[in-house]
């Protein structure tokens, strides 16, 4: 039975902090021999307040040329939300593998995606809340999967988002992803990363 041949590029953009009012560009991927590409973008707010006007916009851009920057075109995009996140203050250091997180009075909602932004940015991670306890003095939230890394006590924000798309890129030569964080009237700092999986043919 024929199977798709997948070439994995772990990251187009490693976990990166992006200040308000700025833009960021991923690495450029040569897609001249690629038919189908799946793109994954992770987004998180890094500020306690809401954005105003418009959230961060992520644009998948392609070019028909092998070099030069005057032929980039946006073929797909996502827009992040603008509401204020919940600022969650954890009670202490959390070990790798931990799923129940003790916190202060501000408890994330079930379904919230929260980023543990590590002082070593590459050790940051997104988690999803699956349960919560709001009893005064005993507040906790439970995440679906155990932490990958040790995470220090600190203030962490909800309103994380995951985006992905599957694109036919057989007619293009190069690809990149833009994080545009200056579209609103009041923009906020964010954290983002981008990865892809390419299908190069059938074996």
Protein backbone atom coordinates (compact mmCIF):
# COMPACT_ATOMS: atom_id res chain seq x y z
CA UNK A 1 0.00 0.00 0.00
CA UNK A 2 1.31 3.44 -0.91
CA UNK A 3 2.19 5.74 1.97
CA UNK A 4 2.84 9.49 2.08
CA UNK A 5 6.47 10.53 2.43
CA UNK A 6 6.70 13.12 5.22
CA UNK A 7 9.65 15.42 5.76
CA UNK A 8 9.45 16.99 9.22
CA UNK A 9 10.86 20.44 9.89
CA UNK A 10 10.40 20.91 13.60
CA UNK A 11 10.42 24.68 13.61
CA UNK A 12 10.06 27.55 11.20
CA UNK A 13 10.21 29.82 14.25
CA UNK A 14 11.39 28.72 17.68
CA UNK A 15 9.45 30.00 20.70
CA UNK A 16 9.92 33.77 20.55
CA UNK A 17 8.72 36.81 22.46
CA UNK A 18 7.33 39.64 20.33
CA UNK A 19 6.74 43.10 21.76
CA UNK A 20 3.67 45.19 20.99
CA UNK A 21 3.71 47.18 17.75
CA UNK A 22 6.27 44.93 16.05
CA UNK A 23 6.30 42.22 13.38
CA UNK A 24 8.31 39.01 13.20
CA UNK A 25 9.18 36.69 10.31
CA UNK A 26 9.82 32.97 10.39
CA UNK A 27 12.63 31.26 8.53
CA UNK A 28 12.04 30.75 4.81
CA UNK A 29 11.33 27.17 3.68
CA UNK A 30 12.17 25.88 0.21
CA UNK A 31 8.96 24.19 -0.97
CA UNK A 32 9.97 23.64 -4.60
CA UNK A 33 9.72 19.85 -4.19
CA UNK A 34 6.83 19.80 -1.70
CA UNK A 35 3.22 19.07 -2.58
CA UNK A 36 1.34 19.41 0.73
CA UNK A 37 2.36 21.33 3.84
CA UNK A 38 0.79 21.40 7.30
CA UNK A 39 1.58 24.53 9.30
CA UNK A 40 1.23 24.85 13.08
CA UNK A 41 1.26 28.19 14.95
CA UNK A 42 1.10 28.56 18.73
CA UNK A 43 0.14 31.98 20.13
CA UNK A 44 -0.04 33.37 23.66
CA UNK A 45 -0.52 36.74 25.27
CA UNK A 46 2.33 38.01 27.43
CA UNK A 47 0.41 40.86 29.05
CA UNK A 48 -2.44 41.12 31.56
CA UNK A 49 -4.55 43.57 29.54
CA UNK A 50 -6.71 43.19 26.45
CA UNK A 51 -5.59 44.28 23.05
CA UNK A 52 -7.69 47.00 21.43
CA UNK A 53 -8.90 47.05 17.85
CA UNK A 54 -7.28 43.90 16.48
CA UNK A 55 -5.27 40.94 17.69
CA UNK A 56 -2.06 39.49 16.32
CA UNK A 57 -2.41 38.34 12.72
CA UNK A 58 -0.46 35.37 11.38
CA UNK A 59 0.03 35.25 7.62
CA UNK A 60 1.29 32.31 5.57
CA UNK A 61 3.14 33.77 2.60
CA UNK A 62 4.49 32.11 -0.54
CA UNK A 63 6.63 33.19 -3.47
CA UNK A 64 7.04 31.91 -7.00
CA UNK A 65 10.71 32.97 -7.04
CA UNK A 66 13.71 31.24 -5.49
CA UNK A 67 15.07 34.52 -4.11
CA UNK A 68 14.14 38.16 -3.58
CA UNK A 69 11.48 39.73 -1.37
CA UNK A 70 9.21 41.52 -3.84
CA UNK A 71 7.01 38.52 -4.71
CA UNK A 72 5.65 37.37 -1.35
CA UNK A 73 1.87 36.82 -1.29
CA UNK A 74 -0.40 35.89 1.64
CA UNK A 75 -2.42 32.74 0.93
CA UNK A 76 -3.76 32.00 4.42
CA UNK A 77 -4.07 33.85 7.71
CA UNK A 78 -5.37 33.64 11.29
CA UNK A 79 -6.30 36.44 13.69
CA UNK A 80 -5.78 36.00 17.44
CA UNK A 81 -8.35 37.13 20.00
CA UNK A 82 -8.11 40.43 21.85
CA UNK A 83 -9.82 39.84 25.22
CA UNK A 84 -7.88 40.21 28.46
CA UNK A 85 -6.37 36.96 29.74
CA UNK A 86 -6.65 35.63 33.26
CA UNK A 87 -3.40 36.29 35.14
CA UNK A 88 -2.77 33.08 37.07
CA UNK A 89 -0.30 33.19 39.96
CA UNK A 90 1.08 29.76 40.82
CA UNK A 91 1.96 28.92 44.43
CA UNK A 92 5.33 27.26 43.86
CA UNK A 93 7.69 25.52 41.50
CA UNK A 94 6.01 22.77 39.48
CA UNK A 95 7.90 19.61 38.60
CA UNK A 96 8.03 18.05 35.15
CA UNK A 97 5.10 15.65 34.85
CA UNK A 98 2.87 17.63 37.21
CA UNK A 99 -0.80 17.98 36.23
CA UNK A 100 -2.41 19.63 39.28
CA UNK A 101 -1.24 23.21 39.67
CA UNK A 102 -1.83 25.16 42.89
CA UNK A 103 -2.62 28.83 42.35
CA UNK A 104 -4.07 32.00 43.81
CA UNK A 105 -7.65 33.23 43.67
CA UNK A 106 -7.60 33.78 39.89
CA UNK A 107 -8.28 30.29 38.49
CA UNK A 108 -8.38 29.62 34.74
CA UNK A 109 -11.55 28.24 33.17
CA UNK A 110 -11.87 24.69 31.88
CA UNK A 111 -10.80 24.77 28.25
CA UNK A 112 -8.42 27.69 28.71
CA UNK A 113 -5.01 27.38 27.09
CA UNK A 114 -2.27 28.82 29.28
CA UNK A 115 1.39 29.41 28.56
CA UNK A 116 4.05 28.69 31.15
CA UNK A 117 6.57 31.26 29.93
CA UNK A 118 9.89 30.03 31.26
CA UNK A 119 12.86 32.32 32.02
CA UNK A 120 14.62 30.08 29.49
CA UNK A 121 12.23 30.81 26.66
CA UNK A 122 12.82 27.53 24.84
CA UNK A 123 11.49 25.66 27.91
CA UNK A 124 8.14 27.46 27.78
CA UNK A 125 5.05 25.37 27.06
CA UNK A 126 1.35 25.63 26.28
CA UNK A 127 -1.11 23.63 28.41
CA UNK A 128 -4.88 23.11 28.39
CA UNK A 129 -7.02 23.27 31.53
CA UNK A 130 -9.37 20.31 32.05
CA UNK A 131 -10.54 20.85 35.67
CA UNK A 132 -10.48 23.53 38.36
CA UNK A 133 -11.04 23.97 42.09
CA UNK A 134 -12.13 27.42 43.28
CA UNK A 135 -12.42 26.76 47.02
CA UNK A 136 -10.87 29.70 48.87
CA UNK A 137 -7.34 28.89 49.97
CA UNK A 138 -7.28 25.59 48.05
CA UNK A 139 -7.45 26.79 44.46
CA UNK A 140 -5.98 24.51 41.81
CA UNK A 141 -6.32 23.78 38.13
CA UNK A 142 -5.59 20.53 36.33
CA UNK A 143 -3.94 20.34 32.93
CA UNK A 144 -4.57 17.52 30.46
CA UNK A 145 -0.93 16.47 30.00
CA UNK A 146 1.89 16.62 32.53
CA UNK A 147 4.39 19.45 32.27
CA UNK A 148 7.34 18.71 30.03
CA UNK A 149 9.70 21.00 31.96
CA UNK A 150 10.11 22.34 35.49
CA UNK A 151 8.15 25.61 35.73
CA UNK A 152 8.90 28.21 38.41
CA UNK A 153 6.34 29.94 40.58
CA UNK A 154 5.12 32.99 38.71
CA UNK A 155 2.34 34.78 36.88
CA UNK A 156 1.10 33.09 33.73
CA UNK A 157 -1.57 34.10 31.22
CA UNK A 158 -4.51 32.36 29.58
CA UNK A 159 -5.90 33.16 26.10
CA UNK A 160 -3.34 30.93 24.38
CA UNK A 161 -4.39 29.76 20.93
CA UNK A 162 -3.33 26.99 18.53
CA UNK A 163 -3.73 27.43 14.78
CA UNK A 164 -3.06 25.02 11.93
CA UNK A 165 -3.79 24.58 8.25
CA UNK A 166 -3.06 22.08 5.47
CA UNK A 167 -2.11 23.72 2.18
CA UNK A 168 -1.46 22.59 -1.37
CA UNK A 169 1.85 24.35 -2.09
CA UNK A 170 2.75 22.46 -5.27
CA UNK A 171 2.56 25.67 -7.34
CA UNK A 172 4.97 27.68 -5.14
CA UNK A 173 8.72 27.83 -4.50
CA UNK A 174 9.20 29.32 -1.02
CA UNK A 175 7.14 29.81 2.14
CA UNK A 176 7.33 31.84 5.34
CA UNK A 177 5.02 32.91 8.19
CA UNK A 178 4.59 36.50 9.41
CA UNK A 179 3.51 37.45 12.95
CA UNK A 180 2.00 40.92 12.66
CA UNK A 181 1.57 42.40 16.14
CA UNK A 182 0.88 46.02 15.21
CA UNK A 183 -2.62 45.98 13.73
CA UNK A 184 -4.59 47.18 16.74
CA UNK A 185 -4.91 50.63 18.26
CA UNK A 186 -3.40 49.18 21.46
CA UNK A 187 -1.26 46.08 20.97
CA UNK A 188 0.19 43.76 23.63
CA UNK A 189 3.30 41.64 23.91
CA UNK A 190 2.94 38.02 22.80
CA UNK A 191 4.83 34.73 22.56
CA UNK A 192 4.66 32.59 19.42
CA UNK A 193 6.20 29.70 17.52
CA UNK A 194 5.66 28.03 14.16
CA UNK A 195 6.39 24.55 12.80
CA UNK A 196 5.50 22.53 9.73
CA UNK A 197 5.26 19.01 8.34
CA UNK A 198 5.78 18.54 4.61
CA UNK A 199 4.55 15.76 2.33
CA UNK A 200 7.00 15.36 -0.53
CA UNK A 201 5.34 12.47 -2.38
CA UNK A 202 3.98 8.93 -2.21
CA UNK A 203 6.19 5.87 -1.67
